[in-house]
């Protein structure tokens, strides 16, 4: 049974066909420029549908095919279980980070949300 039966019950077509909301979330994730991030709530607000939990669920289920590390928690904490993979991506893209405090678990930095957050505006190429 599992997810196949859930999709059929939901009236979806082929099992590899994404729900429309999931497609829209992933499209927003793909638009975020390298070195920038949006929160789960930012993505929901951009779509004018759903909320942070719905966006988080889509990213957990389907986000592997898009730059998942650019959709983040509002507090700037790295995604649990994927911290080091995400950190490699952030460093490669030059995403603004805040140094970890000595009390931070695992001494992992956080995203500098004030500088890294993207509002969806086109990049300024001047």
PDB file of N, CA and C in Angstrom:
ATOM      1  N   UNK A   1       0.841  -1.187   0.000  1.00  0.00           N
ATOM      2  CA  UNK A   1       0.000   0.000   0.000  1.00  0.00           C
ATOM      3  C   UNK A   1       0.885   1.249   0.000  1.00  0.00           C
ATOM      4  N   UNK A   2       0.969   1.967   1.130  1.00  0.00           N
ATOM      5  CA  UNK A   2       1.871   3.118   1.219  1.00  0.00           C
ATOM      6  C   UNK A   2       1.452   4.298   0.374  1.00  0.00           C
ATOM      7  N   UNK A   3       2.443   5.018  -0.124  1.00  0.00           N
ATOM      8  CA  UNK A   3       2.180   6.292  -0.814  1.00  0.00           C
ATOM      9  C   UNK A   3       1.464   6.102  -2.142  1.00  0.00           C
ATOM     10  N   UNK A   4       1.654   4.964  -2.822  1.00  0.00           N
ATOM     11  CA  UNK A   4       0.987   4.742  -4.108  1.00  0.00           C
ATOM     12  C   UNK A   4      -0.523   4.781  -3.928  1.00  0.00           C
ATOM     13  N   UNK A   5      -1.018   4.095  -2.898  1.00  0.00           N
ATOM     14  CA  UNK A   5      -2.465   4.058  -2.694  1.00  0.00           C
ATOM     15  C   UNK A   5      -2.983   5.430  -2.280  1.00  0.00           C
ATOM     16  N   UNK A   6      -2.193   6.179  -1.517  1.00  0.00           N
ATOM     17  CA  UNK A   6      -2.614   7.522  -1.120  1.00  0.00           C
ATOM     18  C   UNK A   6      -2.796   8.408  -2.339  1.00  0.00           C
ATOM     19  N   UNK A   7      -1.859   8.330  -3.295  1.00  0.00           N
ATOM     20  CA  UNK A   7      -1.961   9.169  -4.485  1.00  0.00           C
ATOM     21  C   UNK A   7      -3.154   8.755  -5.326  1.00  0.00           C
ATOM     22  N   UNK A   8      -3.386   7.455  -5.485  1.00  0.00           N
ATOM     23  CA  UNK A   8      -4.523   7.020  -6.287  1.00  0.00           C
ATOM     24  C   UNK A   8      -5.813   7.468  -5.628  1.00  0.00           C
ATOM     25  N   UNK A   9      -5.863   7.341  -4.297  1.00  0.00           N
ATOM     26  CA  UNK A   9      -7.064   7.744  -3.573  1.00  0.00           C
ATOM     27  C   UNK A   9      -7.296   9.239  -3.721  1.00  0.00           C
ATOM     28  N   UNK A  10      -6.210  10.002  -3.865  1.00  0.00           N
ATOM     29  CA  UNK A  10      -6.346  11.453  -3.995  1.00  0.00           C
ATOM     30  C   UNK A  10      -6.699  11.847  -5.428  1.00  0.00           C
ATOM     31  N   UNK A  11      -6.829  10.857  -6.318  1.00  0.00           N
ATOM     32  CA  UNK A  11      -7.215  11.155  -7.681  1.00  0.00           C
ATOM     33  C   UNK A  11      -6.061  11.628  -8.542  1.00  0.00           C
ATOM     34  N   UNK A  12      -4.841  11.418  -8.085  1.00  0.00           N
ATOM     35  CA  UNK A  12      -3.684  11.832  -8.878  1.00  0.00           C
ATOM     36  C   UNK A  12      -3.500  10.864 -10.034  1.00  0.00           C
ATOM     37  N   UNK A  13      -2.795  11.308 -11.040  1.00  0.00           N
ATOM     38  CA  UNK A  13      -2.527  10.472 -12.211  1.00  0.00           C
ATOM     39  C   UNK A  13      -1.419   9.490 -11.932  1.00  0.00           C
ATOM     40  N   UNK A  14      -0.413   9.488 -12.776  1.00  0.00           N
ATOM     41  CA  UNK A  14       0.717   8.577 -12.603  1.00  0.00           C
ATOM     42  C   UNK A  14       1.381   8.834 -11.245  1.00  0.00           C
ATOM     43  N   UNK A  15       2.001   7.800 -10.648  1.00  0.00           N
ATOM     44  CA  UNK A  15       2.640   7.974  -9.347  1.00  0.00           C
ATOM     45  C   UNK A  15       3.766   9.012  -9.369  1.00  0.00           C
ATOM     46  N   UNK A  16       4.394   9.236 -10.545  1.00  0.00           N
ATOM     47  CA  UNK A  16       5.493  10.203 -10.591  1.00  0.00           C
ATOM     48  C   UNK A  16       4.994  11.627 -10.837  1.00  0.00           C
ATOM     49  N   UNK A  17       3.683  11.794 -10.916  1.00  0.00           N
ATOM     50  CA  UNK A  17       3.111  13.117 -11.153  1.00  0.00           C
ATOM     51  C   UNK A  17       2.968  13.839  -9.816  1.00  0.00           C
ATOM     52  N   UNK A  18       3.523  15.052  -9.733  1.00  0.00           N
ATOM     53  CA  UNK A  18       3.469  15.799  -8.481  1.00  0.00           C
ATOM     54  C   UNK A  18       2.115  16.470  -8.296  1.00  0.00           C
ATOM     55  N   UNK A  19       1.661  16.556  -7.042  1.00  0.00           N
ATOM     56  CA  UNK A  19       0.477  17.380  -6.786  1.00  0.00           C
ATOM     57  C   UNK A  19       0.767  18.818  -7.221  1.00  0.00           C
ATOM     58  N   UNK A  20      -0.233  19.532  -7.659  1.00  0.00           N
ATOM     59  CA  UNK A  20      -0.066  20.884  -8.193  1.00  0.00           C
ATOM     60  C   UNK A  20       0.595  21.820  -7.169  1.00  0.00           C
ATOM     61  N   UNK A  21       0.190  21.754  -5.907  1.00  0.00           N
ATOM     62  CA  UNK A  21       0.790  22.614  -4.885  1.00  0.00           C
ATOM     63  C   UNK A  21       2.284  22.323  -4.750  1.00  0.00           C
ATOM     64  N   UNK A  22       2.645  21.047  -4.763  1.00  0.00           N
ATOM     65  CA  UNK A  22       4.057  20.671  -4.647  1.00  0.00           C
ATOM     66  C   UNK A  22       4.858  21.231  -5.817  1.00  0.00           C
ATOM     67  N   UNK A  23       4.306  21.154  -7.016  1.00  0.00           N
ATOM     68  CA  UNK A  23       4.992  21.714  -8.191  1.00  0.00           C
ATOM     69  C   UNK A  23       5.255  23.200  -7.998  1.00  0.00           C
ATOM     70  N   UNK A  24       4.265  23.910  -7.482  1.00  0.00           N
ATOM     71  CA  UNK A  24       4.400  25.354  -7.290  1.00  0.00           C
ATOM     72  C   UNK A  24       5.465  25.671  -6.248  1.00  0.00           C
ATOM     73  N   UNK A  25       5.495  24.910  -5.152  1.00  0.00           N
ATOM     74  CA  UNK A  25       6.516  25.107  -4.113  1.00  0.00           C
ATOM     75  C   UNK A  25       7.904  24.889  -4.703  1.00  0.00           C
ATOM     76  N   UNK A  26       8.073  23.816  -5.466  1.00  0.00           N
ATOM     77  CA  UNK A  26       9.378  23.493  -6.043  1.00  0.00           C
ATOM     78  C   UNK A  26       9.812  24.545  -7.065  1.00  0.00           C
ATOM     79  N   UNK A  27       8.849  25.113  -7.789  1.00  0.00           N
ATOM     80  CA  UNK A  27       9.178  26.186  -8.738  1.00  0.00           C
ATOM     81  C   UNK A  27       9.750  27.401  -8.002  1.00  0.00           C
ATOM     82  N   UNK A  28       9.161  27.746  -6.855  1.00  0.00           N
ATOM     83  CA  UNK A  28       9.682  28.874  -6.072  1.00  0.00           C
ATOM     84  C   UNK A  28      11.092  28.552  -5.585  1.00  0.00           C
ATOM     85  N   UNK A  29      11.306  27.341  -5.081  1.00  0.00           N
ATOM     86  CA  UNK A  29      12.636  26.944  -4.597  1.00  0.00           C
ATOM     87  C   UNK A  29      13.680  27.087  -5.706  1.00  0.00           C
ATOM     88  N   UNK A  30      13.294  26.747  -6.935  1.00  0.00           N
ATOM     89  CA  UNK A  30      14.234  26.842  -8.056  1.00  0.00           C
ATOM     90  C   UNK A  30      14.551  28.283  -8.429  1.00  0.00           C
ATOM     91  N   UNK A  31      13.682  29.223  -8.086  1.00  0.00           N
ATOM     92  CA  UNK A  31      13.889  30.636  -8.434  1.00  0.00           C
ATOM     93  C   UNK A  31      14.824  31.353  -7.472  1.00  0.00           C
ATOM     94  N   UNK A  32      15.022  30.801  -6.279  1.00  0.00           N
ATOM     95  CA  UNK A  32      15.856  31.464  -5.271  1.00  0.00           C
ATOM     96  C   UNK A  32      17.300  31.475  -5.778  1.00  0.00           C
ATOM     97  N   UNK A  33      17.896  32.666  -5.867  1.00  0.00           N
ATOM     98  CA  UNK A  33      19.270  32.737  -6.403  1.00  0.00           C
ATOM     99  C   UNK A  33      20.298  32.092  -5.474  1.00  0.00           C
ATOM    100  N   UNK A  34      21.402  31.610  -6.034  1.00  0.00           N
ATOM    101  CA  UNK A  34      22.490  31.077  -5.201  1.00  0.00           C
ATOM    102  C   UNK A  34      22.917  32.127  -4.178  1.00  0.00           C
ATOM    103  N   UNK A  35      23.195  31.664  -2.970  1.00  0.00           N
ATOM    104  CA  UNK A  35      23.634  32.580  -1.918  1.00  0.00           C
ATOM    105  C   UNK A  35      22.496  33.254  -1.171  1.00  0.00           C
ATOM    106  N   UNK A  36      21.258  32.960  -1.540  1.00  0.00           N
ATOM    107  CA  UNK A  36      20.090  33.549  -0.882  1.00  0.00           C
ATOM    108  C   UNK A  36      19.175  32.434  -0.392  1.00  0.00           C
ATOM    109  N   UNK A  37      18.260  32.750   0.519  1.00  0.00           N
ATOM    110  CA  UNK A  37      17.321  31.769   1.059  1.00  0.00           C
ATOM    111  C   UNK A  37      15.937  32.393   1.219  1.00  0.00           C
ATOM    112  N   UNK A  38      14.937  31.542   1.310  1.00  0.00           N
ATOM    113  CA  UNK A  38      13.583  31.932   1.710  1.00  0.00           C
ATOM    114  C   UNK A  38      13.160  30.970   2.815  1.00  0.00           C
ATOM    115  N   UNK A  39      12.339  31.448   3.735  1.00  0.00           N
ATOM    116  CA  UNK A  39      11.821  30.566   4.776  1.00  0.00           C
ATOM    117  C   UNK A  39      10.626  29.787   4.226  1.00  0.00           C
ATOM    118  N   UNK A  40      10.251  28.744   4.951  1.00  0.00           N
ATOM    119  CA  UNK A  40       9.061  27.979   4.570  1.00  0.00           C
ATOM    120  C   UNK A  40       7.859  28.918   4.496  1.00  0.00           C
ATOM    121  N   UNK A  41       7.759  29.818   5.472  1.00  0.00           N
ATOM    122  CA  UNK A  41       6.652  30.776   5.492  1.00  0.00           C
ATOM    123  C   UNK A  41       6.716  31.760   4.336  1.00  0.00           C
ATOM    124  N   UNK A  42       7.932  32.189   3.954  1.00  0.00           N
ATOM    125  CA  UNK A  42       8.090  33.096   2.804  1.00  0.00           C
ATOM    126  C   UNK A  42       7.541  32.442   1.536  1.00  0.00           C
ATOM    127  N   UNK A  43       7.841  31.149   1.359  1.00  0.00           N
ATOM    128  CA  UNK A  43       7.395  30.443   0.157  1.00  0.00           C
ATOM    129  C   UNK A  43       5.868  30.375   0.141  1.00  0.00           C
ATOM    130  N   UNK A  44       5.268  30.045   1.295  1.00  0.00           N
ATOM    131  CA  UNK A  44       3.801  29.974   1.379  1.00  0.00           C
ATOM    132  C   UNK A  44       3.187  31.343   1.087  1.00  0.00           C
ATOM    133  N   UNK A  45       3.803  32.394   1.620  1.00  0.00           N
ATOM    134  CA  UNK A  45       3.309  33.758   1.395  1.00  0.00           C
ATOM    135  C   UNK A  45       3.424  34.123  -0.090  1.00  0.00           C
ATOM    136  N   UNK A  46       4.540  33.761  -0.717  1.00  0.00           N
ATOM    137  CA  UNK A  46       4.768  34.035  -2.138  1.00  0.00           C
ATOM    138  C   UNK A  46       3.661  33.376  -2.973  1.00  0.00           C
ATOM    139  N   UNK A  47       3.301  32.124  -2.600  1.00  0.00           N
ATOM    140  CA  UNK A  47       2.283  31.373  -3.332  1.00  0.00           C
ATOM    141  C   UNK A  47       0.865  31.808  -2.965  1.00  0.00           C
ATOM    142  N   UNK A  48       0.755  32.543  -1.845  1.00  0.00           N
ATOM    143  CA  UNK A  48      -0.554  32.940  -1.301  1.00  0.00           C
ATOM    144  C   UNK A  48      -1.425  31.713  -1.055  1.00  0.00           C
ATOM    145  N   UNK A  49      -0.772  30.646  -0.586  1.00  0.00           N
ATOM    146  CA  UNK A  49      -1.489  29.403  -0.306  1.00  0.00           C
ATOM    147  C   UNK A  49      -0.673  28.569   0.671  1.00  0.00           C
ATOM    148  N   UNK A  50      -1.373  27.876   1.567  1.00  0.00           N
ATOM    149  CA  UNK A  50      -0.698  26.996   2.518  1.00  0.00           C
ATOM    150  C   UNK A  50       0.033  27.790   3.587  1.00  0.00           C
ATOM    151  N   UNK A  51       0.902  27.107   4.286  1.00  0.00           N
ATOM    152  CA  UNK A  51       1.676  27.726   5.349  1.00  0.00           C
ATOM    153  C   UNK A  51       3.019  27.034   5.456  1.00  0.00           C
ATOM    154  N   UNK A  52       3.812  27.428   6.453  1.00  0.00           N
ATOM    155  CA  UNK A  52       5.156  26.855   6.608  1.00  0.00           C
ATOM    156  C   UNK A  52       5.157  25.326   6.688  1.00  0.00           C
ATOM    157  N   UNK A  53       4.182  24.754   7.386  1.00  0.00           N
ATOM    158  CA  UNK A  53       4.178  23.284   7.526  1.00  0.00           C
ATOM    159  C   UNK A  53       3.917  22.583   6.200  1.00  0.00           C
ATOM    160  N   UNK A  54       2.998  23.152   5.405  1.00  0.00           N
ATOM    161  CA  UNK A  54       2.715  22.542   4.102  1.00  0.00           C
ATOM    162  C   UNK A  54       3.949  22.619   3.195  1.00  0.00           C
ATOM    163  N   UNK A  55       4.620  23.772   3.217  1.00  0.00           N
ATOM    164  CA  UNK A  55       5.832  23.935   2.403  1.00  0.00           C
ATOM    165  C   UNK A  55       6.911  22.966   2.895  1.00  0.00           C
ATOM    166  N   UNK A  56       7.060  22.855   4.212  1.00  0.00           N
ATOM    167  CA  UNK A  56       8.039  21.932   4.780  1.00  0.00           C
ATOM    168  C   UNK A  56       7.765  20.496   4.380  1.00  0.00           C
ATOM    169  N   UNK A  57       6.490  20.127   4.354  1.00  0.00           N
ATOM    170  CA  UNK A  57       6.128  18.756   3.955  1.00  0.00           C
ATOM    171  C   UNK A  57       6.484  18.518   2.488  1.00  0.00           C
ATOM    172  N   UNK A  58       6.166  19.480   1.622  1.00  0.00           N
ATOM    173  CA  UNK A  58       6.512  19.337   0.203  1.00  0.00           C
ATOM    174  C   UNK A  58       8.022  19.187   0.050  1.00  0.00           C
ATOM    175  N   UNK A  59       8.788  20.030   0.758  1.00  0.00           N
ATOM    176  CA  UNK A  59      10.244  19.965   0.644  1.00  0.00           C
ATOM    177  C   UNK A  59      10.775  18.626   1.162  1.00  0.00           C
ATOM    178  N   UNK A  60      10.180  18.110   2.241  1.00  0.00           N
ATOM    179  CA  UNK A  60      10.627  16.827   2.785  1.00  0.00           C
ATOM    180  C   UNK A  60      10.348  15.685   1.808  1.00  0.00           C
ATOM    181  N   UNK A  61       9.198  15.732   1.135  1.00  0.00           N
ATOM    182  CA  UNK A  61       8.810  14.649   0.237  1.00  0.00           C
ATOM    183  C   UNK A  61       9.449  14.750  -1.148  1.00  0.00           C
ATOM    184  N   UNK A  62       9.542  15.974  -1.679  1.00  0.00           N
ATOM    185  CA  UNK A  62       9.909  16.143  -3.084  1.00  0.00           C
ATOM    186  C   UNK A  62      11.114  17.061  -3.319  1.00  0.00           C
ATOM    187  N   UNK A  63      11.659  17.660  -2.266  1.00  0.00           N
ATOM    188  CA  UNK A  63      12.659  18.707  -2.422  1.00  0.00           C
ATOM    189  C   UNK A  63      14.019  18.288  -2.930  1.00  0.00           C
ATOM    190  N   UNK A  64      14.294  16.987  -3.003  1.00  0.00           N
ATOM    191  CA  UNK A  64      15.608  16.528  -3.424  1.00  0.00           C
ATOM    192  C   UNK A  64      16.007  16.939  -4.830  1.00  0.00           C
ATOM    193  N   UNK A  65      15.022  17.248  -5.669  1.00  0.00           N
ATOM    194  CA  UNK A  65      15.305  17.580  -7.072  1.00  0.00           C
ATOM    195  C   UNK A  65      15.565  19.073  -7.293  1.00  0.00           C
ATOM    196  N   UNK A  66      15.424  19.873  -6.241  1.00  0.00           N
ATOM    197  CA  UNK A  66      15.616  21.329  -6.348  1.00  0.00           C
ATOM    198  C   UNK A  66      16.638  21.772  -5.303  1.00  0.00           C
ATOM    199  N   UNK A  67      17.078  23.042  -5.329  1.00  0.00           N
ATOM    200  CA  UNK A  67      18.032  23.522  -4.303  1.00  0.00           C
ATOM    201  C   UNK A  67      17.363  23.619  -2.926  1.00  0.00           C
ATOM    202  N   UNK A  68      17.150  22.468  -2.310  1.00  0.00           N
ATOM    203  CA  UNK A  68      16.427  22.370  -1.025  1.00  0.00           C
ATOM    204  C   UNK A  68      17.081  23.191   0.069  1.00  0.00           C
ATOM    205  N   UNK A  69      18.382  23.382   0.008  1.00  0.00           N
ATOM    206  CA  UNK A  69      19.103  24.105   1.067  1.00  0.00           C
ATOM    207  C   UNK A  69      18.753  25.592   1.065  1.00  0.00           C
ATOM    208  N   UNK A  70      18.067  26.071   0.049  1.00  0.00           N
ATOM    209  CA  UNK A  70      17.688  27.490  -0.012  1.00  0.00           C
ATOM    210  C   UNK A  70      16.313  27.762   0.594  1.00  0.00           C
ATOM    211  N   UNK A  71      15.604  26.721   1.037  1.00  0.00           N
ATOM    212  CA  UNK A  71      14.325  26.883   1.731  1.00  0.00           C
ATOM    213  C   UNK A  71      14.575  26.451   3.169  1.00  0.00           C
ATOM    214  N   UNK A  72      14.451  27.399   4.099  1.00  0.00           N
ATOM    215  CA  UNK A  72      14.995  27.199   5.444  1.00  0.00           C
ATOM    216  C   UNK A  72      14.022  27.593   6.548  1.00  0.00           C
ATOM    217  N   UNK A  73      14.410  27.251   7.772  1.00  0.00           N
ATOM    218  CA  UNK A  73      13.656  27.665   8.956  1.00  0.00           C
ATOM    219  C   UNK A  73      13.870  29.147   9.194  1.00  0.00           C
ATOM    220  N   UNK A  74      12.870  29.801   9.747  1.00  0.00           N
ATOM    221  CA  UNK A  74      12.933  31.250   9.977  1.00  0.00           C
ATOM    222  C   UNK A  74      14.035  31.641  10.960  1.00  0.00           C
ATOM    223  N   UNK A  75      14.426  30.727  11.849  1.00  0.00           N
ATOM    224  CA  UNK A  75      15.459  31.071  12.833  1.00  0.00           C
ATOM    225  C   UNK A  75      16.877  30.928  12.275  1.00  0.00           C
ATOM    226  N   UNK A  76      17.002  30.470  11.023  1.00  0.00           N
ATOM    227  CA  UNK A  76      18.320  30.351  10.409  1.00  0.00           C
ATOM    228  C   UNK A  76      19.080  29.095  10.781  1.00  0.00           C
ATOM    229  N   UNK A  77      18.458  28.228  11.595  1.00  0.00           N
ATOM    230  CA  UNK A  77      19.123  26.974  11.975  1.00  0.00           C
ATOM    231  C   UNK A  77      19.198  26.062  10.755  1.00  0.00           C
ATOM    232  N   UNK A  78      20.292  25.319  10.635  1.00  0.00           N
ATOM    233  CA  UNK A  78      20.464  24.414   9.512  1.00  0.00           C
ATOM    234  C   UNK A  78      19.525  23.215   9.655  1.00  0.00           C
ATOM    235  N   UNK A  79      19.107  22.665   8.535  1.00  0.00           N
ATOM    236  CA  UNK A  79      18.142  21.569   8.508  1.00  0.00           C
ATOM    237  C   UNK A  79      18.692  20.350   9.244  1.00  0.00           C
ATOM    238  N   UNK A  80      18.020  19.920  10.329  1.00  0.00           N
ATOM    239  CA  UNK A  80      18.501  18.780  11.111  1.00  0.00           C
ATOM    240  C   UNK A  80      18.687  17.539  10.234  1.00  0.00           C
ATOM    241  N   UNK A  81      19.834  16.898  10.396  1.00  0.00           N
ATOM    242  CA  UNK A  81      20.141  15.704   9.632  1.00  0.00           C
ATOM    243  C   UNK A  81      20.826  16.000   8.306  1.00  0.00           C
ATOM    244  N   UNK A  82      20.795  17.268   7.887  1.00  0.00           N
ATOM    245  CA  UNK A  82      21.403  17.645   6.603  1.00  0.00           C
ATOM    246  C   UNK A  82      22.358  18.829   6.774  1.00  0.00           C
ATOM    247  N   UNK A  83      22.733  19.102   8.025  1.00  0.00           N
ATOM    248  CA  UNK A  83      23.527  20.298   8.316  1.00  0.00           C
ATOM    249  C   UNK A  83      24.803  20.396   7.492  1.00  0.00           C
ATOM    250  N   UNK A  84      25.578  19.328   7.456  1.00  0.00           N
ATOM    251  CA  UNK A  84      26.876  19.414   6.794  1.00  0.00           C
ATOM    252  C   UNK A  84      26.740  19.518   5.279  1.00  0.00           C
ATOM    253  N   UNK A  85      25.771  18.790   4.708  1.00  0.00           N
ATOM    254  CA  UNK A  85      25.536  18.899   3.259  1.00  0.00           C
ATOM    255  C   UNK A  85      25.103  20.334   2.924  1.00  0.00           C
ATOM    256  N   UNK A  86      24.196  20.888   3.742  1.00  0.00           N
ATOM    257  CA  UNK A  86      23.717  22.250   3.501  1.00  0.00           C
ATOM    258  C   UNK A  86      24.868  23.239   3.676  1.00  0.00           C
ATOM    259  N   UNK A  87      25.670  23.063   4.714  1.00  0.00           N
ATOM    260  CA  UNK A  87      26.773  23.973   4.990  1.00  0.00           C
ATOM    261  C   UNK A  87      27.757  24.010   3.817  1.00  0.00           C
ATOM    262  N   UNK A  88      28.045  22.865   3.227  1.00  0.00           N
ATOM    263  CA  UNK A  88      28.915  22.828   2.044  1.00  0.00           C
ATOM    264  C   UNK A  88      28.329  23.676   0.925  1.00  0.00           C
ATOM    265  N   UNK A  89      27.015  23.551   0.718  1.00  0.00           N
ATOM    266  CA  UNK A  89      26.346  24.324  -0.344  1.00  0.00           C
ATOM    267  C   UNK A  89      26.403  25.815  -0.038  1.00  0.00           C
ATOM    268  N   UNK A  90      26.104  26.182   1.228  1.00  0.00           N
ATOM    269  CA  UNK A  90      26.106  27.608   1.602  1.00  0.00           C
ATOM    270  C   UNK A  90      27.494  28.217   1.390  1.00  0.00           C
ATOM    271  N   UNK A  91      28.519  27.477   1.789  1.00  0.00           N
ATOM    272  CA  UNK A  91      29.889  27.996   1.636  1.00  0.00           C
ATOM    273  C   UNK A  91      30.244  28.130   0.158  1.00  0.00           C
ATOM    274  N   UNK A  92      29.850  27.152  -0.659  1.00  0.00           N
ATOM    275  CA  UNK A  92      30.141  27.197  -2.096  1.00  0.00           C
ATOM    276  C   UNK A  92      29.425  28.366  -2.772  1.00  0.00           C
ATOM    277  N   UNK A  93      28.219  28.691  -2.296  1.00  0.00           N
ATOM    278  CA  UNK A  93      27.419  29.755  -2.912  1.00  0.00           C
ATOM    279  C   UNK A  93      27.659  31.126  -2.269  1.00  0.00           C
ATOM    280  N   UNK A  94      28.405  31.165  -1.181  1.00  0.00           N
ATOM    281  CA  UNK A  94      28.656  32.436  -0.506  1.00  0.00           C
ATOM    282  C   UNK A  94      27.459  32.951   0.270  1.00  0.00           C
ATOM    283  N   UNK A  95      26.610  32.047   0.750  1.00  0.00           N
ATOM    284  CA  UNK A  95      25.441  32.438   1.545  1.00  0.00           C
ATOM    285  C   UNK A  95      25.918  33.009   2.878  1.00  0.00           C
ATOM    286  N   UNK A  96      25.409  34.191   3.284  1.00  0.00           N
ATOM    287  CA  UNK A  96      25.842  34.777   4.556  1.00  0.00           C
ATOM    288  C   UNK A  96      25.514  33.884   5.752  1.00  0.00           C
ATOM    289  N   UNK A  97      26.526  33.621   6.567  1.00  0.00           N
ATOM    290  CA  UNK A  97      26.375  32.788   7.759  1.00  0.00           C
ATOM    291  C   UNK A  97      26.798  33.583   8.985  1.00  0.00           C
ATOM    292  N   UNK A  98      26.260  33.178  10.130  1.00  0.00           N
ATOM    293  CA  UNK A  98      26.696  33.730  11.421  1.00  0.00           C
ATOM    294  C   UNK A  98      27.517  32.645  12.092  1.00  0.00           C
ATOM    295  N   UNK A  99      28.658  33.023  12.638  1.00  0.00           N
ATOM    296  CA  UNK A  99      29.495  32.048  13.335  1.00  0.00           C
ATOM    297  C   UNK A  99      28.718  31.457  14.494  1.00  0.00           C
ATOM    298  N   UNK A 100      28.972  30.186  14.752  1.00  0.00           N
ATOM    299  CA  UNK A 100      28.316  29.503  15.858  1.00  0.00           C
ATOM    300  C   UNK A 100      28.834  30.046  17.181  1.00  0.00           C
ATOM    301  N   UNK A 101      27.922  30.193  18.125  1.00  0.00           N
ATOM    302  CA  UNK A 101      28.366  30.570  19.471  1.00  0.00           C
ATOM    303  C   UNK A 101      28.964  29.325  20.121  1.00  0.00           C
ATOM    304  N   UNK A 102      29.737  29.526  21.154  1.00  0.00           N
ATOM    305  CA  UNK A 102      30.384  28.382  21.811  1.00  0.00           C
ATOM    306  C   UNK A 102      29.348  27.417  22.362  1.00  0.00           C
ATOM    307  N   UNK A 103      28.157  27.930  22.693  1.00  0.00           N
ATOM    308  CA  UNK A 103      27.128  27.064  23.267  1.00  0.00           C
ATOM    309  C   UNK A 103      26.303  26.359  22.191  1.00  0.00           C
ATOM    310  N   UNK A 104      26.487  26.724  20.921  1.00  0.00           N
ATOM    311  CA  UNK A 104      25.692  26.127  19.841  1.00  0.00           C
ATOM    312  C   UNK A 104      25.984  24.637  19.731  1.00  0.00           C
ATOM    313  N   UNK A 105      24.925  23.876  19.578  1.00  0.00           N
ATOM    314  CA  UNK A 105      25.054  22.432  19.464  1.00  0.00           C
ATOM    315  C   UNK A 105      25.877  22.091  18.223  1.00  0.00           C
ATOM    316  N   UNK A 106      26.944  21.322  18.411  1.00  0.00           N
ATOM    317  CA  UNK A 106      27.782  20.918  17.298  1.00  0.00           C
ATOM    318  C   UNK A 106      28.604  22.062  16.715  1.00  0.00           C
ATOM    319  N   UNK A 107      28.526  23.238  17.338  1.00  0.00           N
ATOM    320  CA  UNK A 107      29.248  24.433  16.879  1.00  0.00           C
ATOM    321  C   UNK A 107      28.955  24.759  15.412  1.00  0.00           C
ATOM    322  N   UNK A 108      27.719  24.501  14.981  1.00  0.00           N
ATOM    323  CA  UNK A 108      27.339  24.794  13.606  1.00  0.00           C
ATOM    324  C   UNK A 108      26.900  26.252  13.489  1.00  0.00           C
ATOM    325  N   UNK A 109      27.303  26.906  12.418  1.00  0.00           N
ATOM    326  CA  UNK A 109      26.823  28.275  12.208  1.00  0.00           C
ATOM    327  C   UNK A 109      25.341  28.272  11.861  1.00  0.00           C
ATOM    328  N   UNK A 110      24.742  29.444  11.893  1.00  0.00           N
ATOM    329  CA  UNK A 110      23.370  29.628  11.425  1.00  0.00           C
ATOM    330  C   UNK A 110      23.430  30.522  10.212  1.00  0.00           C
ATOM    331  N   UNK A 111      22.345  30.528   9.474  1.00  0.00           N
ATOM    332  CA  UNK A 111      22.241  31.468   8.364  1.00  0.00           C
ATOM    333  C   UNK A 111      22.077  32.874   8.918  1.00  0.00           C
ATOM    334  N   UNK A 112      22.678  33.834   8.280  1.00  0.00           N
ATOM    335  CA  UNK A 112      22.476  35.237   8.644  1.00  0.00           C
ATOM    336  C   UNK A 112      21.220  35.679   7.887  1.00  0.00           C
ATOM    337  N   UNK A 113      20.066  35.488   8.524  1.00  0.00           N
ATOM    338  CA  UNK A 113      18.789  35.706   7.842  1.00  0.00           C
ATOM    339  C   UNK A 113      18.621  37.149   7.360  1.00  0.00           C
ATOM    340  N   UNK A 114      19.151  38.093   8.101  1.00  0.00           N
ATOM    341  CA  UNK A 114      19.005  39.496   7.695  1.00  0.00           C
ATOM    342  C   UNK A 114      19.662  39.740   6.335  1.00  0.00           C
ATOM    343  N   UNK A 115      20.788  39.091   6.107  1.00  0.00           N
ATOM    344  CA  UNK A 115      21.529  39.294   4.848  1.00  0.00           C
ATOM    345  C   UNK A 115      21.204  38.254   3.776  1.00  0.00           C
ATOM    346  N   UNK A 116      20.816  37.034   4.184  1.00  0.00           N
ATOM    347  CA  UNK A 116      20.631  35.949   3.220  1.00  0.00           C
ATOM    348  C   UNK A 116      19.210  35.869   2.661  1.00  0.00           C
ATOM    349  N   UNK A 117      18.241  36.434   3.383  1.00  0.00           N
ATOM    350  CA  UNK A 117      16.840  36.266   2.991  1.00  0.00           C
ATOM    351  C   UNK A 117      16.538  36.968   1.681  1.00  0.00           C
ATOM    352  N   UNK A 118      15.851  36.263   0.795  1.00  0.00           N
ATOM    353  CA  UNK A 118      15.488  36.790  -0.516  1.00  0.00           C
ATOM    354  C   UNK A 118      14.004  37.116  -0.537  1.00  0.00           C
ATOM    355  N   UNK A 119      13.644  38.272  -1.076  1.00  0.00           N
ATOM    356  CA  UNK A 119      12.245  38.707  -1.073  1.00  0.00           C
ATOM    357  C   UNK A 119      11.507  38.374  -2.365  1.00  0.00           C
ATOM    358  N   UNK A 120      12.190  37.704  -3.281  1.00  0.00           N
ATOM    359  CA  UNK A 120      11.537  37.329  -4.527  1.00  0.00           C
ATOM    360  C   UNK A 120      11.699  38.343  -5.642  1.00  0.00           C
ATOM    361  N   UNK A 121      12.351  39.455  -5.327  1.00  0.00           N
ATOM    362  CA  UNK A 121      12.559  40.482  -6.359  1.00  0.00           C
ATOM    363  C   UNK A 121      13.637  40.018  -7.332  1.00  0.00           C
ATOM    364  N   UNK A 122      13.503  40.396  -8.617  1.00  0.00           N
ATOM    365  CA  UNK A 122      14.544  40.014  -9.573  1.00  0.00           C
ATOM    366  C   UNK A 122      15.894  40.576  -9.135  1.00  0.00           C
ATOM    367  N   UNK A 123      16.945  39.829  -9.436  1.00  0.00           N
ATOM    368  CA  UNK A 123      18.306  40.283  -9.086  1.00  0.00           C
ATOM    369  C   UNK A 123      18.629  41.563  -9.836  1.00  0.00           C
ATOM    370  N   UNK A 124      19.325  42.458  -9.169  1.00  0.00           N
ATOM    371  CA  UNK A 124      19.732  43.727  -9.782  1.00  0.00           C
ATOM    372  C   UNK A 124      21.043  43.494 -10.532  1.00  0.00           C
ATOM    373  N   UNK A 125      21.002  43.625 -11.844  1.00  0.00           N
ATOM    374  CA  UNK A 125      22.198  43.352 -12.654  1.00  0.00           C
ATOM    375  C   UNK A 125      22.922  44.631 -13.077  1.00  0.00           C
ATOM    376  N   UNK A 126      22.778  45.713 -12.330  1.00  0.00           N
ATOM    377  CA  UNK A 126      23.436  46.957 -12.739  1.00  0.00           C
ATOM    378  C   UNK A 126      24.883  46.980 -12.310  1.00  0.00           C
TER     379      UNK A 126
END
